[in-house]
Protein backbone atom coordinates (compact mmCIF):
# COMPACT_ATOMS: atom_id res chain seq x y z
CA GLN A 1 13.99 7.03 -28.23
CA PRO A 2 13.35 6.42 -24.43
CA GLN A 3 10.49 8.20 -23.18
CA LEU A 4 8.69 8.45 -19.80
CA VAL A 5 5.50 10.43 -19.40
CA ALA A 6 4.28 11.11 -15.85
CA SER A 7 0.80 12.13 -15.29
CA GLY A 8 -1.82 12.16 -12.19
CA GLY A 9 -0.67 15.40 -10.39
CA GLY A 10 -3.02 17.97 -9.25
CA LEU A 11 -4.14 19.99 -6.30
CA VAL A 12 -5.38 17.88 -3.38
CA GLN A 13 -5.85 18.98 0.47
CA ALA A 14 -3.67 17.93 3.04
CA GLY A 15 -4.47 14.35 4.15
CA GLY A 16 -5.74 13.39 0.62
CA SER A 17 -4.41 11.17 -1.73
CA LEU A 18 -3.11 10.96 -5.40
CA LYS A 19 -1.87 8.31 -7.49
CA LEU A 20 0.85 9.17 -9.94
CA SER A 21 1.38 7.11 -13.23
CA CYS A 22 4.52 6.90 -15.45
CA LEU A 23 3.96 5.43 -19.07
CA VAL A 24 7.46 4.38 -20.44
CA SER A 25 8.37 3.74 -24.09
CA GLY A 26 11.28 3.16 -26.14
CA PHE A 27 13.04 0.70 -23.68
CA THR A 28 12.10 -2.38 -21.85
CA LEU A 29 10.84 -1.67 -18.41
CA ALA A 30 11.24 -4.97 -16.94
CA HIS A 31 14.87 -4.66 -17.78
CA TYR A 32 15.15 -1.27 -15.62
CA ASP A 33 15.19 -0.13 -12.31
CA ILE A 34 12.95 2.73 -11.72
CA GLY A 35 12.05 5.30 -9.48
CA TRP A 36 10.37 8.71 -8.41
CA VAL A 37 12.19 11.77 -7.43
CA ARG A 38 10.83 15.14 -6.27
CA GLN A 39 11.90 18.74 -6.47
CA PRO A 40 10.30 21.39 -4.47
CA SER A 41 8.01 23.47 -6.73
CA ASN A 42 9.42 26.76 -5.42
CA GLU A 43 13.22 25.57 -6.52
CA GLU A 44 13.87 27.74 -9.42
CA ILE A 45 17.00 26.09 -10.43
CA PRO A 46 16.50 22.85 -12.30
CA GLY A 47 18.07 19.70 -10.22
CA ARG A 48 18.83 21.49 -6.96
CA ASN A 49 17.32 20.17 -4.01
CA ARG A 50 15.91 16.81 -5.67
CA GLU A 51 15.27 14.27 -3.56
CA GLY A 52 14.94 10.33 -4.55
CA ILE A 53 11.64 9.38 -2.69
CA SER A 54 11.28 5.79 -3.76
CA CYS A 55 12.87 3.47 -6.14
CA MET A 56 12.49 -0.12 -7.08
CA ARG A 57 14.69 -2.55 -8.74
CA GLN A 58 13.91 -5.34 -11.57
CA ASN A 59 13.85 -7.89 -8.65
CA ASN A 60 11.44 -5.77 -6.38
CA ASP A 61 13.92 -4.40 -3.98
CA THR A 62 12.14 -1.38 -2.61
CA TYR A 63 13.43 1.95 -1.05
CA TYR A 64 11.35 4.93 0.49
CA ALA A 65 12.88 7.93 1.79
CA ASP A 66 12.07 8.67 5.32
CA SER A 67 9.96 11.51 4.30
CA VAL A 68 7.55 9.39 2.68
CA LYS A 69 7.63 5.96 4.20
CA GLY A 70 4.44 4.62 5.44
CA ARG A 71 2.50 6.87 3.11
CA PHE A 72 3.89 6.34 -0.41
CA ILE A 73 3.56 3.13 -2.21
CA ILE A 74 5.73 2.54 -5.48
CA SER A 75 4.81 -0.33 -8.03
CA ARG A 76 5.30 -1.33 -11.43
CA ASP A 77 3.46 -3.13 -14.39
CA ASN A 78 6.08 -4.31 -16.76
CA ALA A 79 3.39 -5.78 -19.10
CA LYS A 80 1.87 -2.42 -19.31
CA ASN A 81 5.07 -0.41 -19.34
CA MET A 82 3.56 1.48 -16.34
CA VAL A 83 5.18 2.84 -13.15
CA TYR A 84 2.85 3.96 -10.25
CA LEU A 85 3.28 6.09 -7.25
CA GLN A 86 0.52 6.05 -4.62
CA MET A 87 0.56 8.95 -2.37
CA ASN A 88 -1.57 8.78 0.94
CA ASN A 89 -1.94 11.13 3.65
CA LEU A 90 -0.60 13.86 1.70
CA ALA A 91 0.94 17.25 3.74
CA PRO A 92 1.87 20.58 2.37
CA GLU A 93 5.52 19.56 2.25
CA ASP A 94 4.89 17.06 -0.15
CA THR A 95 4.33 19.86 -2.58
CA ALA A 96 6.82 19.26 -5.57
CA VAL A 97 7.23 18.27 -9.15
CA TYR A 98 7.59 14.54 -9.11
CA TYR A 99 9.75 12.87 -11.85
CA CYS A 100 9.79 9.11 -12.85
CA ALA A 101 13.10 8.01 -13.81
CA ALA A 102 14.88 4.85 -14.84
CA VAL A 103 18.36 3.26 -14.87
CA ILE A 104 19.72 -0.02 -16.25
CA TYR A 105 21.22 -1.14 -13.07
CA SER A 106 21.81 -0.20 -9.56
CA ASN A 107 23.16 -2.24 -6.74
CA THR A 108 20.35 -1.47 -4.37
CA ALA A 109 17.20 0.56 -4.57
CA GLN A 110 18.29 2.81 -1.77
CA LEU A 111 21.54 3.43 -3.84
CA MET A 112 19.39 4.24 -6.76
CA CYS A 113 17.42 6.93 -4.79
CA SER A 114 20.59 8.42 -3.47
CA MET A 115 22.41 8.88 -6.64
CA HIS A 116 19.16 9.88 -8.47
CA TYR A 117 21.16 12.56 -10.57
CA ALA A 118 23.08 9.70 -12.28
CA LEU A 119 19.76 8.02 -13.67
CA ASP A 120 19.79 7.33 -17.25
CA TYR A 121 16.11 8.51 -18.47
CA TRP A 122 13.96 10.86 -16.94
CA GLY A 123 10.24 12.03 -17.43
CA GLU A 124 9.20 15.59 -17.72
CA GLY A 125 7.62 15.80 -14.27
CA THR A 126 4.01 16.29 -12.89
CA LEU A 127 3.29 18.62 -10.40
CA VAL A 128 1.59 18.12 -7.03
CA THR A 129 0.48 20.68 -4.85
CA VAL A 130 -0.76 19.94 -1.35
CA SER A 131 -3.20 22.89 0.21
CA SER A 132 -3.23 23.09 4.00
């Protein structure tokens, strides 16, 4: 049974940093493309206004949305079945529920993030709140 468990969210002041982690099980991480998707925490409808913010393919092809480029860093440790998102210089607009997700294959990391609604496996999400 594929499972992704995200952790590391919390409350942080603007300008601060957080590192999200995602532990995967039930499938071989090395064989999958992975990514982080976020949904504003004030969005009441599940799935609406989600944004694929960073994705990484098996070959390390990486994509960042303009909203996080230069501030966030995605990484993976296949041996530990872990995916990470280092978030720096956080701003109130980064407040959201952050989901890790995986798909067996995508043509490019950018395409994976743009088609986040079609990803195979999803975690439950971890809430990040950035205060001003």
